[in-house]
Amino acid sequence: IVFGAFIGRRVYRNWGLRTGRFKICPHCGGYYRGDPIYCPHC
């Protein structure tokens, strides 16, 4: 279950980056959705 969750999370993140649903913050490297003014992580 633990390894399946890690692999599934990676696959979902890569799929989101390919389709444009997720973007990467240039400052902290965190992933975010949508088009915010400020990074939700940093």
Full PDB file with SEQRES, HELIX, SHEET, SSBOND, CRYST1, ORIGX, SCALE, CONECT and MASTER records, all heavy atoms in Angstrom:
SEQRES   1 A   42  ILE VAL PHE GLY ALA PHE ILE GLY ARG ARG VAL TYR ARG          
SEQRES   2 A   42  ASN TRP GLY LEU ARG THR GLY ARG PHE LYS ILE CYS PRO          
SEQRES   3 A   42  HIS CYS GLY GLY TYR TYR ARG GLY ASP PRO ILE TYR CYS          
SEQRES   4 A   42  PRO HIS CYS                                                  
HELIX    1 AA1 VAL A    2  THR A   19  1                                  18    
SHEET    1 AA1 2 PHE A  22  ILE A  24  0                                        
SHEET    2 AA1 2 TYR A  31  ARG A  33 -1                                        
CRYST1    1.000    1.000    1.000  90.00  90.00  90.00 P 1           1          
ORIGX1      1.000000  0.000000  0.000000        0.00000                         
ORIGX2      0.000000  1.000000  0.000000        0.00000                         
ORIGX3      0.000000  0.000000  1.000000        0.00000                         
SCALE1      1.000000  0.000000  0.000000        0.00000                         
SCALE2      0.000000  1.000000  0.000000        0.00000                         
SCALE3      0.000000  0.000000  1.000000        0.00000                         
ATOM      1  N   ILE A   1       0.838  -1.210   0.000  1.00  0.00           N  
ATOM      2  CA  ILE A   1       0.000   0.000   0.000  1.00  0.00           C  
ATOM      3  C   ILE A   1       0.870   1.256   0.000  1.00  0.00           C  
ATOM      4  O   ILE A   1       0.606   2.207  -0.743  1.00  0.00           O  
ATOM      5  CB  ILE A   1      -0.965  -0.014   1.198  1.00  0.00           C  
ATOM      6  CG1 ILE A   1      -2.027  -1.090   0.999  1.00  0.00           C  
ATOM      7  CG2 ILE A   1      -1.615   1.345   1.393  1.00  0.00           C  
ATOM      8  CD1 ILE A   1      -2.907  -1.331   2.203  1.00  0.00           C  
ATOM      9  N   VAL A   2       1.927   1.266   0.811  1.00  0.00           N  
ATOM     10  CA  VAL A   2       2.800   2.442   0.894  1.00  0.00           C  
ATOM     11  C   VAL A   2       3.512   2.673  -0.428  1.00  0.00           C  
ATOM     12  O   VAL A   2       3.527   3.792  -0.958  1.00  0.00           O  
ATOM     13  CB  VAL A   2       3.808   2.285   2.056  1.00  0.00           C  
ATOM     14  CG1 VAL A   2       4.880   3.348   1.989  1.00  0.00           C  
ATOM     15  CG2 VAL A   2       3.086   2.347   3.384  1.00  0.00           C  
ATOM     16  N   PHE A   3       4.102   1.640  -1.010  1.00  0.00           N  
ATOM     17  CA  PHE A   3       4.797   1.797  -2.286  1.00  0.00           C  
ATOM     18  C   PHE A   3       3.826   2.144  -3.410  1.00  0.00           C  
ATOM     19  O   PHE A   3       4.140   2.936  -4.296  1.00  0.00           O  
ATOM     20  CB  PHE A   3       5.588   0.546  -2.635  1.00  0.00           C  
ATOM     21  CG  PHE A   3       6.826   0.366  -1.809  1.00  0.00           C  
ATOM     22  CD1 PHE A   3       7.118  -0.855  -1.238  1.00  0.00           C  
ATOM     23  CD2 PHE A   3       7.699   1.422  -1.589  1.00  0.00           C  
ATOM     24  CE1 PHE A   3       8.249  -1.028  -0.467  1.00  0.00           C  
ATOM     25  CE2 PHE A   3       8.828   1.266  -0.819  1.00  0.00           C  
ATOM     26  CZ  PHE A   3       9.113   0.036  -0.258  1.00  0.00           C  
ATOM     27  N   GLY A   4       2.632   1.580  -3.362  1.00  0.00           N  
ATOM     28  CA  GLY A   4       1.620   1.917  -4.363  1.00  0.00           C  
ATOM     29  C   GLY A   4       1.209   3.378  -4.274  1.00  0.00           C  
ATOM     30  O   GLY A   4       0.987   4.034  -5.297  1.00  0.00           O  
ATOM     31  N   ALA A   5       1.117   3.900  -3.063  1.00  0.00           N  
ATOM     32  CA  ALA A   5       0.757   5.309  -2.888  1.00  0.00           C  
ATOM     33  C   ALA A   5       1.858   6.220  -3.428  1.00  0.00           C  
ATOM     34  O   ALA A   5       1.580   7.231  -4.089  1.00  0.00           O  
ATOM     35  CB  ALA A   5       0.496   5.609  -1.421  1.00  0.00           C  
ATOM     36  N   PHE A   6       3.128   5.889  -3.152  1.00  0.00           N  
ATOM     37  CA  PHE A   6       4.222   6.704  -3.666  1.00  0.00           C  
ATOM     38  C   PHE A   6       4.279   6.679  -5.188  1.00  0.00           C  
ATOM     39  O   PHE A   6       4.449   7.716  -5.834  1.00  0.00           O  
ATOM     40  CB  PHE A   6       5.564   6.236  -3.103  1.00  0.00           C  
ATOM     41  CG  PHE A   6       5.826   6.699  -1.706  1.00  0.00           C  
ATOM     42  CD1 PHE A   6       6.155   5.795  -0.711  1.00  0.00           C  
ATOM     43  CD2 PHE A   6       5.740   8.037  -1.370  1.00  0.00           C  
ATOM     44  CE1 PHE A   6       6.399   6.203   0.581  1.00  0.00           C  
ATOM     45  CE2 PHE A   6       5.980   8.464  -0.076  1.00  0.00           C  
ATOM     46  CZ  PHE A   6       6.303   7.546   0.901  1.00  0.00           C  
ATOM     47  N   ILE A   7       4.125   5.506  -5.773  1.00  0.00           N  
ATOM     48  CA  ILE A   7       4.167   5.394  -7.235  1.00  0.00           C  
ATOM     49  C   ILE A   7       2.967   6.105  -7.851  1.00  0.00           C  
ATOM     50  O   ILE A   7       3.100   6.819  -8.847  1.00  0.00           O  
ATOM     51  CB  ILE A   7       4.231   3.919  -7.644  1.00  0.00           C  
ATOM     52  CG1 ILE A   7       5.591   3.340  -7.251  1.00  0.00           C  
ATOM     53  CG2 ILE A   7       4.002   3.757  -9.138  1.00  0.00           C  
ATOM     54  CD1 ILE A   7       5.696   1.846  -7.405  1.00  0.00           C  
ATOM     55  N   GLY A   8       1.789   5.940  -7.256  1.00  0.00           N  
ATOM     56  CA  GLY A   8       0.595   6.605  -7.772  1.00  0.00           C  
ATOM     57  C   GLY A   8       0.699   8.115  -7.700  1.00  0.00           C  
ATOM     58  O   GLY A   8       0.270   8.822  -8.614  1.00  0.00           O  
ATOM     59  N   ARG A   9       1.285   8.620  -6.630  1.00  0.00           N  
ATOM     60  CA  ARG A   9       1.454  10.069  -6.495  1.00  0.00           C  
ATOM     61  C   ARG A   9       2.391  10.607  -7.563  1.00  0.00           C  
ATOM     62  O   ARG A   9       2.153  11.664  -8.144  1.00  0.00           O  
ATOM     63  CB  ARG A   9       1.995  10.375  -5.103  1.00  0.00           C  
ATOM     64  CG  ARG A   9       2.121  11.826  -4.823  1.00  0.00           C  
ATOM     65  CD  ARG A   9       2.589  12.049  -3.407  1.00  0.00           C  
ATOM     66  NE  ARG A   9       2.703  13.470  -3.153  1.00  0.00           N  
ATOM     67  CZ  ARG A   9       3.299  13.969  -2.120  1.00  0.00           C  
ATOM     68  NH1 ARG A   9       3.838  13.180  -1.223  1.00  0.00           N  
ATOM     69  NH2 ARG A   9       3.369  15.263  -1.949  1.00  0.00           N  
ATOM     70  N   ARG A  10       3.466   9.872  -7.836  1.00  0.00           N  
ATOM     71  CA  ARG A  10       4.413  10.298  -8.878  1.00  0.00           C  
ATOM     72  C   ARG A  10       3.778  10.292 -10.253  1.00  0.00           C  
ATOM     73  O   ARG A  10       3.960  11.218 -11.049  1.00  0.00           O  
ATOM     74  CB  ARG A  10       5.604   9.360  -8.895  1.00  0.00           C  
ATOM     75  CG  ARG A  10       6.741   9.806  -8.103  1.00  0.00           C  
ATOM     76  CD  ARG A  10       7.925   8.994  -8.589  1.00  0.00           C  
ATOM     77  NE  ARG A  10       8.988   9.866  -8.946  1.00  0.00           N  
ATOM     78  CZ  ARG A  10      10.103   9.962  -8.270  1.00  0.00           C  
ATOM     79  NH1 ARG A  10      10.297   9.217  -7.225  1.00  0.00           N  
ATOM     80  NH2 ARG A  10      11.026  10.792  -8.635  1.00  0.00           N  
ATOM     81  N   VAL A  11       3.014   9.250 -10.552  1.00  0.00           N  
ATOM     82  CA  VAL A  11       2.341   9.153 -11.848  1.00  0.00           C  
ATOM     83  C   VAL A  11       1.335  10.287 -12.003  1.00  0.00           C  
ATOM     84  O   VAL A  11       1.257  10.931 -13.048  1.00  0.00           O  
ATOM     85  CB  VAL A  11       1.661   7.771 -11.996  1.00  0.00           C  
ATOM     86  CG1 VAL A  11       0.730   7.744 -13.187  1.00  0.00           C  
ATOM     87  CG2 VAL A  11       2.711   6.684 -12.113  1.00  0.00           C  
ATOM     88  N   TYR A  12       0.560  10.576 -10.950  1.00  0.00           N  
ATOM     89  CA  TYR A  12      -0.435  11.649 -11.000  1.00  0.00           C  
ATOM     90  C   TYR A  12       0.228  13.010 -11.187  1.00  0.00           C  
ATOM     91  O   TYR A  12      -0.241  13.840 -11.958  1.00  0.00           O  
ATOM     92  CB  TYR A  12      -1.268  11.628  -9.716  1.00  0.00           C  
ATOM     93  CG  TYR A  12      -2.329  12.692  -9.659  1.00  0.00           C  
ATOM     94  CD1 TYR A  12      -3.432  12.644 -10.502  1.00  0.00           C  
ATOM     95  CD2 TYR A  12      -2.234  13.755  -8.772  1.00  0.00           C  
ATOM     96  CE1 TYR A  12      -4.406  13.613 -10.461  1.00  0.00           C  
ATOM     97  CE2 TYR A  12      -3.205  14.731  -8.711  1.00  0.00           C  
ATOM     98  CZ  TYR A  12      -4.289  14.654  -9.562  1.00  0.00           C  
ATOM     99  OH  TYR A  12      -5.248  15.623  -9.528  1.00  0.00           O  
ATOM    100  N   ARG A  13       1.346  13.241 -10.492  1.00  0.00           N  
ATOM    101  CA  ARG A  13       2.059  14.509 -10.614  1.00  0.00           C  
ATOM    102  C   ARG A  13       2.630  14.680 -12.024  1.00  0.00           C  
ATOM    103  O   ARG A  13       2.512  15.751 -12.622  1.00  0.00           O  
ATOM    104  CB  ARG A  13       3.159  14.592  -9.574  1.00  0.00           C  
ATOM    105  CG  ARG A  13       3.880  15.907  -9.578  1.00  0.00           C  
ATOM    106  CD  ARG A  13       4.889  16.005  -8.490  1.00  0.00           C  
ATOM    107  NE  ARG A  13       5.579  14.745  -8.283  1.00  0.00           N  
ATOM    108  CZ  ARG A  13       6.397  14.485  -7.298  1.00  0.00           C  
ATOM    109  NH1 ARG A  13       6.632  15.383  -6.395  1.00  0.00           N  
ATOM    110  NH2 ARG A  13       6.984  13.324  -7.186  1.00  0.00           N  
ATOM    111  N   ASN A  14       3.230  13.634 -12.582  1.00  0.00           N  
ATOM    112  CA  ASN A  14       3.779  13.719 -13.935  1.00  0.00           C  
ATOM    113  C   ASN A  14       2.682  13.934 -14.964  1.00  0.00           C  
ATOM    114  O   ASN A  14       2.850  14.679 -15.921  1.00  0.00           O  
ATOM    115  CB  ASN A  14       4.585  12.467 -14.266  1.00  0.00           C  
ATOM    116  CG  ASN A  14       5.887  12.416 -13.510  1.00  0.00           C  
ATOM    117  OD1 ASN A  14       6.389  13.434 -13.058  1.00  0.00           O  
ATOM    118  ND2 ASN A  14       6.430  11.226 -13.351  1.00  0.00           N  
ATOM    119  N   TRP A  15       1.541  13.277 -14.763  1.00  0.00           N  
ATOM    120  CA  TRP A  15       0.413  13.467 -15.669  1.00  0.00           C  
ATOM    121  C   TRP A  15      -0.080  14.916 -15.596  1.00  0.00           C  
ATOM    122  O   TRP A  15      -0.394  15.526 -16.611  1.00  0.00           O  
ATOM    123  CB  TRP A  15      -0.710  12.510 -15.295  1.00  0.00           C  
ATOM    124  CG  TRP A  15      -1.989  12.793 -16.004  1.00  0.00           C  
ATOM    125  CD1 TRP A  15      -2.306  12.474 -17.278  1.00  0.00           C  
ATOM    126  CD2 TRP A  15      -3.113  13.488 -15.469  1.00  0.00           C  
ATOM    127  NE1 TRP A  15      -3.555  12.910 -17.566  1.00  0.00           N  
ATOM    128  CE2 TRP A  15      -4.076  13.540 -16.473  1.00  0.00           C  
ATOM    129  CE3 TRP A  15      -3.388  14.050 -14.236  1.00  0.00           C  
ATOM    130  CZ2 TRP A  15      -5.309  14.145 -16.283  1.00  0.00           C  
ATOM    131  CZ3 TRP A  15      -4.603  14.658 -14.053  1.00  0.00           C  
ATOM    132  CH2 TRP A  15      -5.560  14.699 -15.066  1.00  0.00           C  
ATOM    133  N   GLY A  16      -0.156  15.471 -14.389  1.00  0.00           N  
ATOM    134  CA  GLY A  16      -0.602  16.851 -14.216  1.00  0.00           C  
ATOM    135  C   GLY A  16       0.348  17.853 -14.842  1.00  0.00           C  
ATOM    136  O   GLY A  16      -0.074  18.867 -15.388  1.00  0.00           O  
ATOM    137  N   LEU A  17       1.650  17.590 -14.770  1.00  0.00           N  
ATOM    138  CA  LEU A  17       2.615  18.484 -15.407  1.00  0.00           C  
ATOM    139  C   LEU A  17       2.520  18.408 -16.921  1.00  0.00           C  
ATOM    140  O   LEU A  17       2.625  19.420 -17.611  1.00  0.00           O  
ATOM    141  CB  LEU A  17       4.037  18.155 -14.942  1.00  0.00           C  
ATOM    142  CG  LEU A  17       4.376  18.544 -13.511  1.00  0.00           C  
ATOM    143  CD1 LEU A  17       5.730  17.979 -13.115  1.00  0.00           C  
ATOM    144  CD2 LEU A  17       4.361  20.044 -13.358  1.00  0.00           C  
ATOM    145  N   ARG A  18       2.333  17.209 -17.461  1.00  0.00           N  
ATOM    146  CA  ARG A  18       2.234  17.049 -18.914  1.00  0.00           C  
ATOM    147  C   ARG A  18       0.991  17.723 -19.468  1.00  0.00           C  
ATOM    148  O   ARG A  18       1.022  18.305 -20.554  1.00  0.00           O  
ATOM    149  CB  ARG A  18       2.203  15.569 -19.293  1.00  0.00           C  
ATOM    150  CG  ARG A  18       3.532  14.943 -19.445  1.00  0.00           C  
ATOM    151  CD  ARG A  18       3.458  13.608 -20.180  1.00  0.00           C  
ATOM    152  NE  ARG A  18       2.272  12.838 -19.895  1.00  0.00           N  
ATOM    153  CZ  ARG A  18       2.184  11.857 -19.002  1.00  0.00           C  
ATOM    154  NH1 ARG A  18       3.229  11.529 -18.299  1.00  0.00           N  
ATOM    155  NH2 ARG A  18       1.050  11.207 -18.828  1.00  0.00           N  
ATOM    156  N   THR A  19      -0.127  17.616 -18.759  1.00  0.00           N  
ATOM    157  CA  THR A  19      -1.381  18.188 -19.257  1.00  0.00           C  
ATOM    158  C   THR A  19      -1.525  19.663 -18.921  1.00  0.00           C  
ATOM    159  O   THR A  19      -2.445  20.305 -19.411  1.00  0.00           O  
ATOM    160  CB  THR A  19      -2.588  17.423 -18.677  1.00  0.00           C  
ATOM    161  OG1 THR A  19      -2.554  17.500 -17.255  1.00  0.00           O  
ATOM    162  CG2 THR A  19      -2.592  15.987 -19.134  1.00  0.00           C  
ATOM    163  N   GLY A  20      -0.653  20.208 -18.083  1.00  0.00           N  
ATOM    164  CA  GLY A  20      -0.720  21.624 -17.750  1.00  0.00           C  
ATOM    165  C   GLY A  20      -1.577  21.940 -16.540  1.00  0.00           C  
ATOM    166  O   GLY A  20      -1.847  23.106 -16.263  1.00  0.00           O  
ATOM    167  N   ARG A  21      -2.035  20.948 -15.804  1.00  0.00           N  
ATOM    168  CA  ARG A  21      -2.847  21.202 -14.616  1.00  0.00           C  
ATOM    169  C   ARG A  21      -2.013  21.696 -13.453  1.00  0.00           C  
ATOM    170  O   ARG A  21      -2.495  22.448 -12.626  1.00  0.00           O  
ATOM    171  CB  ARG A  21      -3.589  19.945 -14.197  1.00  0.00           C  
ATOM    172  CG  ARG A  21      -4.660  19.570 -15.157  1.00  0.00           C  
ATOM    173  CD  ARG A  21      -5.392  18.353 -14.671  1.00  0.00           C  
ATOM    174  NE  ARG A  21      -6.378  17.967 -15.643  1.00  0.00           N  
ATOM    175  CZ  ARG A  21      -7.633  17.716 -15.356  1.00  0.00           C  
ATOM    176  NH1 ARG A  21      -8.029  17.788 -14.112  1.00  0.00           N  
ATOM    177  NH2 ARG A  21      -8.468  17.386 -16.288  1.00  0.00           N  
ATOM    178  N   PHE A  22      -0.776  21.237 -13.347  1.00  0.00           N  
ATOM    179  CA  PHE A  22       0.122  21.651 -12.285  1.00  0.00           C  
ATOM    180  C   PHE A  22       1.242  22.493 -12.871  1.00  0.00           C  
ATOM    181  O   PHE A  22       1.654  22.282 -14.002  1.00  0.00           O  
ATOM    182  CB  PHE A  22       0.755  20.462 -11.569  1.00  0.00           C  
ATOM    183  CG  PHE A  22      -0.228  19.553 -10.904  1.00  0.00           C  
ATOM    184  CD1 PHE A  22      -0.143  18.192 -11.060  1.00  0.00           C  
ATOM    185  CD2 PHE A  22      -1.235  20.055 -10.105  1.00  0.00           C  
ATOM    186  CE1 PHE A  22      -1.028  17.349 -10.442  1.00  0.00           C  
ATOM    187  CE2 PHE A  22      -2.129  19.224  -9.477  1.00  0.00           C  
ATOM    188  CZ  PHE A  22      -2.025  17.861  -9.655  1.00  0.00           C  
ATOM    189  N   LYS A  23       1.722  23.430 -12.091  1.00  0.00           N  
ATOM    190  CA  LYS A  23       2.875  24.239 -12.472  1.00  0.00           C  
ATOM    191  C   LYS A  23       3.880  24.201 -11.338  1.00  0.00           C  
ATOM    192  O   LYS A  23       3.527  23.937 -10.195  1.00  0.00           O  
ATOM    193  CB  LYS A  23       2.441  25.670 -12.752  1.00  0.00           C  
ATOM    194  CG  LYS A  23       1.488  25.774 -13.919  1.00  0.00           C  
ATOM    195  CD  LYS A  23       0.970  27.165 -14.090  1.00  0.00           C  
ATOM    196  CE  LYS A  23      -0.097  27.170 -15.166  1.00  0.00           C  
ATOM    197  NZ  LYS A  23      -0.954  28.309 -15.081  1.00  0.00           N  
ATOM    198  N   ILE A  24       5.147  24.481 -11.646  1.00  0.00           N  
ATOM    199  CA  ILE A  24       6.211  24.438 -10.655  1.00  0.00           C  
ATOM    200  C   ILE A  24       6.611  25.859 -10.295  1.00  0.00           C  
ATOM    201  O   ILE A  24       6.847  26.686 -11.174  1.00  0.00           O  
ATOM    202  CB  ILE A  24       7.422  23.666 -11.187  1.00  0.00           C  
ATOM    203  CG1 ILE A  24       7.027  22.235 -11.513  1.00  0.00           C  
ATOM    204  CG2 ILE A  24       8.553  23.670 -10.180  1.00  0.00           C  
ATOM    205  CD1 ILE A  24       8.122  21.431 -12.170  1.00  0.00           C  
ATOM    206  N   CYS A  25       6.703  26.137  -9.005  1.00  0.00           N  
ATOM    207  CA  CYS A  25       7.143  27.447  -8.531  1.00  0.00           C  
ATOM    208  C   CYS A  25       8.637  27.590  -8.813  1.00  0.00           C  
ATOM    209  O   CYS A  25       9.431  26.715  -8.461  1.00  0.00           O  
ATOM    210  CB  CYS A  25       6.879  27.569  -7.041  1.00  0.00           C  
ATOM    211  SG  CYS A  25       7.533  29.081  -6.316  1.00  0.00           S  
ATOM    212  N   PRO A  26       9.069  28.703  -9.431  1.00  0.00           N  
ATOM    213  CA  PRO A  26      10.500  28.881  -9.705  1.00  0.00           C  
ATOM    214  C   PRO A  26      11.323  29.180  -8.451  1.00  0.00           C  
ATOM    215  O   PRO A  26      12.537  29.044  -8.470  1.00  0.00           O  
ATOM    216  CB  PRO A  26      10.537  30.064 -10.668  1.00  0.00           C  
ATOM    217  CG  PRO A  26       9.263  30.799 -10.437  1.00  0.00           C  
ATOM    218  CD  PRO A  26       8.268  29.782  -9.990  1.00  0.00           C  
ATOM    219  N   HIS A  27      10.667  29.556  -7.349  1.00  0.00           N  
ATOM    220  CA  HIS A  27      11.387  29.908  -6.129  1.00  0.00           C  
ATOM    221  C   HIS A  27      11.634  28.703  -5.228  1.00  0.00           C  
ATOM    222  O   HIS A  27      12.746  28.483  -4.762  1.00  0.00           O  
ATOM    223  CB  HIS A  27      10.623  30.977  -5.350  1.00  0.00           C  
ATOM    224  CG  HIS A  27      10.334  32.200  -6.162  1.00  0.00           C  
ATOM    225  ND1 HIS A  27      11.292  33.119  -6.477  1.00  0.00           N  
ATOM    226  CD2 HIS A  27       9.181  32.625  -6.742  1.00  0.00           C  
ATOM    227  CE1 HIS A  27      10.754  34.079  -7.210  1.00  0.00           C  
ATOM    228  NE2 HIS A  27       9.473  33.802  -7.384  1.00  0.00           N  
ATOM    229  N   CYS A  28      10.579  27.923  -4.966  1.00  0.00           N  
ATOM    230  CA  CYS A  28      10.716  26.817  -4.010  1.00  0.00           C  
ATOM    231  C   CYS A  28      10.638  25.438  -4.661  1.00  0.00           C  
ATOM    232  O   CYS A  28      10.970  24.450  -4.033  1.00  0.00           O  
ATOM    233  CB  CYS A  28       9.655  26.929  -2.918  1.00  0.00           C  
ATOM    234  SG  CYS A  28       7.965  26.672  -3.495  1.00  0.00           S  
ATOM    235  N   GLY A  29      10.165  25.358  -5.901  1.00  0.00           N  
ATOM    236  CA  GLY A  29      10.054  24.067  -6.575  1.00  0.00           C  
ATOM    237  C   GLY A  29       8.791  23.311  -6.231  1.00  0.00           C  
ATOM    238  O   GLY A  29       8.632  22.166  -6.640  1.00  0.00           O  
ATOM    239  N   GLY A  30       7.880  23.935  -5.496  1.00  0.00           N  
ATOM    240  CA  GLY A  30       6.618  23.291  -5.135  1.00  0.00           C  
ATOM    241  C   GLY A  30       5.637  23.312  -6.302  1.00  0.00           C  
ATOM    242  O   GLY A  30       5.719  24.142  -7.207  1.00  0.00           O  
ATOM    243  N   TYR A  31       4.693  22.378  -6.281  1.00  0.00           N  
ATOM    244  CA  TYR A  31       3.688  22.289  -7.326  1.00  0.00           C  
ATOM    245  C   TYR A  31       2.439  23.025  -6.880  1.00  0.00           C  
ATOM    246  O   TYR A  31       2.059  22.977  -5.722  1.00  0.00           O  
ATOM    247  CB  TYR A  31       3.341  20.827  -7.598  1.00  0.00           C  
ATOM    248  CG  TYR A  31       4.513  20.038  -8.107  1.00  0.00           C  
ATOM    249  CD1 TYR A  31       5.330  19.326  -7.247  1.00  0.00           C  
ATOM    250  CD2 TYR A  31       4.799  20.013  -9.455  1.00  0.00           C  
ATOM    251  CE1 TYR A  31       6.411  18.607  -7.720  1.00  0.00           C  
ATOM    252  CE2 TYR A  31       5.872  19.299  -9.941  1.00  0.00           C  
ATOM    253  CZ  TYR A  31       6.671  18.596  -9.069  1.00  0.00           C  
ATOM    254  OH  TYR A  31       7.736  17.894  -9.543  1.00  0.00           O  
ATOM    255  N   TYR A  32       1.777  23.702  -7.819  1.00  0.00           N  
ATOM    256  CA  TYR A  32       0.527  24.380  -7.513  1.00  0.00           C  
ATOM    257  C   TYR A  32      -0.412  24.259  -8.695  1.00  0.00           C  
ATOM    258  O   TYR A  32       0.005  23.970  -9.809  1.00  0.00           O  
ATOM    259  CB  TYR A  32       0.760  25.851  -7.148  1.00  0.00           C  
ATOM    260  CG  TYR A  32       1.394  26.680  -8.239  1.00  0.00           C  
ATOM    261  CD1 TYR A  32       0.600  27.355  -9.159  1.00  0.00           C  
ATOM    262  CD2 TYR A  32       2.764  26.814  -8.339  1.00  0.00           C  
ATOM    263  CE1 TYR A  32       1.156  28.121 -10.156  1.00  0.00           C  
ATOM    264  CE2 TYR A  32       3.334  27.572  -9.330  1.00  0.00           C  
ATOM    265  CZ  TYR A  32       2.529  28.226 -10.243  1.00  0.00           C  
ATOM    266  OH  TYR A  32       3.085  28.975 -11.237  1.00  0.00           O  
ATOM    267  N   ARG A  33      -1.714  24.452  -8.426  1.00  0.00           N  
ATOM    268  CA  ARG A  33      -2.733  24.388  -9.463  1.00  0.00           C  
ATOM    269  C   ARG A  33      -3.291  25.781  -9.705  1.00  0.00           C  
ATOM    270  O   ARG A  33      -3.263  26.635  -8.835  1.00  0.00           O  
ATOM    271  CB  ARG A  33      -3.871  23.492  -9.015  1.00  0.00           C  
ATOM    272  CG  ARG A  33      -3.481  22.065  -8.845  1.00  0.00           C  
ATOM    273  CD  ARG A  33      -4.604  21.277  -8.289  1.00  0.00           C  
ATOM    274  NE  ARG A  33      -5.435  20.796  -9.376  1.00  0.00           N  
ATOM    275  CZ  ARG A  33      -6.475  20.008  -9.211  1.00  0.00           C  
ATOM    276  NH1 ARG A  33      -6.838  19.658  -8.024  1.00  0.00           N  
ATOM    277  NH2 ARG A  33      -7.151  19.599 -10.252  1.00  0.00           N  
ATOM    278  N   GLY A  34      -3.811  25.990 -10.876  1.00  0.00           N  
ATOM    279  CA  GLY A  34      -4.467  27.245 -11.190  1.00  0.00           C  
ATOM    280  C   GLY A  34      -3.484  28.330 -11.589  1.00  0.00           C  
ATOM    281  O   GLY A  34      -2.402  28.065 -12.089  1.00  0.00           O  
ATOM    282  N   ASP A  35      -3.886  29.570 -11.356  1.00  0.00           N  
ATOM    283  CA  ASP A  35      -3.088  30.720 -11.762  1.00  0.00           C  
ATOM    284  C   ASP A  35      -3.017  31.735 -10.615  1.00  0.00           C  
ATOM    285  O   ASP A  35      -3.528  32.847 -10.727  1.00  0.00           O  
ATOM    286  CB  ASP A  35      -3.737  31.341 -12.996  1.00  0.00           C  
ATOM    287  CG  ASP A  35      -2.780  32.223 -13.757  1.00  0.00           C  
ATOM    288  OD1 ASP A  35      -1.560  32.082 -13.567  1.00  0.00           O  
ATOM    289  OD2 ASP A  35      -3.256  33.055 -14.546  1.00  0.00           O  
ATOM    290  N   PRO A  36      -2.385  31.389  -9.487  1.00  0.00           N  
ATOM    291  CA  PRO A  36      -2.359  32.305  -8.343  1.00  0.00           C  
ATOM    292  C   PRO A  36      -1.334  33.425  -8.518  1.00  0.00           C  
ATOM    293  O   PRO A  36      -0.408  33.332  -9.323  1.00  0.00           O  
ATOM    294  CB  PRO A  36      -1.965  31.406  -7.173  1.00  0.00           C  
ATOM    295  CG  PRO A  36      -1.121  30.370  -7.800  1.00  0.00           C  
ATOM    296  CD  PRO A  36      -1.725  30.131  -9.161  1.00  0.00           C  
ATOM    297  N   ILE A  37      -1.512  34.489  -7.765  1.00  0.00           N  
ATOM    298  CA  ILE A  37      -0.561  35.595  -7.759  1.00  0.00           C  
ATOM    299  C   ILE A  37       0.659  35.228  -6.921  1.00  0.00           C  
ATOM    300  O   ILE A  37       1.787  35.513  -7.290  1.00  0.00           O  
ATOM    301  CB  ILE A  37      -1.223  36.862  -7.177  1.00  0.00           C  
ATOM    302  CG1 ILE A  37      -2.470  37.246  -7.951  1.00  0.00           C  
ATOM    303  CG2 ILE A  37      -0.234  38.015  -7.126  1.00  0.00           C  
ATOM    304  CD1 ILE A  37      -2.232  37.841  -9.301  1.00  0.00           C  
ATOM    305  N   TYR A  38       0.424  34.575  -5.786  1.00  0.00           N  
ATOM    306  CA  TYR A  38       1.499  34.170  -4.869  1.00  0.00           C  
ATOM    307  C   TYR A  38       1.567  32.648  -4.797  1.00  0.00           C  
ATOM    308  O   TYR A  38       0.556  31.968  -4.918  1.00  0.00           O  
ATOM    309  CB  TYR A  38       1.244  34.718  -3.464  1.00  0.00           C  
ATOM    310  CG  TYR A  38       1.243  36.214  -3.396  1.00  0.00           C  
ATOM    311  CD1 TYR A  38       0.058  36.931  -3.380  1.00  0.00           C  
ATOM    312  CD2 TYR A  38       2.433  36.920  -3.357  1.00  0.00           C  
ATOM    313  CE1 TYR A  38       0.053  38.313  -3.334  1.00  0.00           C  
ATOM    314  CE2 TYR A  38       2.443  38.301  -3.300  1.00  0.00           C  
ATOM    315  CZ  TYR A  38       1.258  38.987  -3.290  1.00  0.00           C  
ATOM    316  OH  TYR A  38       1.263  40.350  -3.236  1.00  0.00           O  
ATOM    317  N   CYS A  39       2.753  32.113  -4.573  1.00  0.00           N  
ATOM    318  CA  CYS A  39       2.936  30.671  -4.407  1.00  0.00           C  
ATOM    319  C   CYS A  39       2.269  30.232  -3.099  1.00  0.00           C  
ATOM    320  O   CYS A  39       2.499  30.841  -2.056  1.00  0.00           O  
ATOM    321  CB  CYS A  39       4.423  30.326  -4.383  1.00  0.00           C  
ATOM    322  SG  CYS A  39       4.753  28.584  -4.054  1.00  0.00           S  
ATOM    323  N   PRO A  40       1.461  29.175  -3.123  1.00  0.00           N  
ATOM    324  CA  PRO A  40       0.812  28.723  -1.891  1.00  0.00           C  
ATOM    325  C   PRO A  40       1.778  28.084  -0.891  1.00  0.00           C  
ATOM    326  O   PRO A  40       1.436  27.927   0.273  1.00  0.00           O  
ATOM    327  CB  PRO A  40      -0.220  27.704  -2.380  1.00  0.00           C  
ATOM    328  CG  PRO A  40       0.219  27.310  -3.733  1.00  0.00           C  
ATOM    329  CD  PRO A  40       1.016  28.429  -4.285  1.00  0.00           C  
ATOM    330  N   HIS A  41       2.986  27.745  -1.324  1.00  0.00           N  
ATOM    331  CA  HIS A  41       3.944  27.089  -0.428  1.00  0.00           C  
ATOM    332  C   HIS A  41       4.913  28.078   0.212  1.00  0.00           C  
ATOM    333  O   HIS A  41       5.120  28.051   1.416  1.00  0.00           O  
ATOM    334  CB  HIS A  41       4.732  26.018  -1.187  1.00  0.00           C  
ATOM    335  CG  HIS A  41       3.855  24.978  -1.806  1.00  0.00           C  
ATOM    336  ND1 HIS A  41       3.176  24.051  -1.072  1.00  0.00           N  
ATOM    337  CD2 HIS A  41       3.526  24.753  -3.094  1.00  0.00           C  
ATOM    338  CE1 HIS A  41       2.475  23.282  -1.873  1.00  0.00           C  
ATOM    339  NE2 HIS A  41       2.663  23.691  -3.106  1.00  0.00           N  
ATOM    340  N   CYS A  42       5.513  28.945  -0.604  1.00  0.00           N  
ATOM    341  CA  CYS A  42       6.541  29.842  -0.065  1.00  0.00           C  
ATOM    342  C   CYS A  42       6.089  31.297   0.027  1.00  0.00           C  
ATOM    343  O   CYS A  42       6.724  32.094   0.694  1.00  0.00           O  
ATOM    344  CB  CYS A  42       7.813  29.746  -0.905  1.00  0.00           C  
ATOM    345  SG  CYS A  42       7.640  30.333  -2.608  1.00  0.00           S  
TER     346      CYS A  42                                                      
MASTER        0    0    0    1    2    0    0    6  345    1    0    4          
END                                                                             
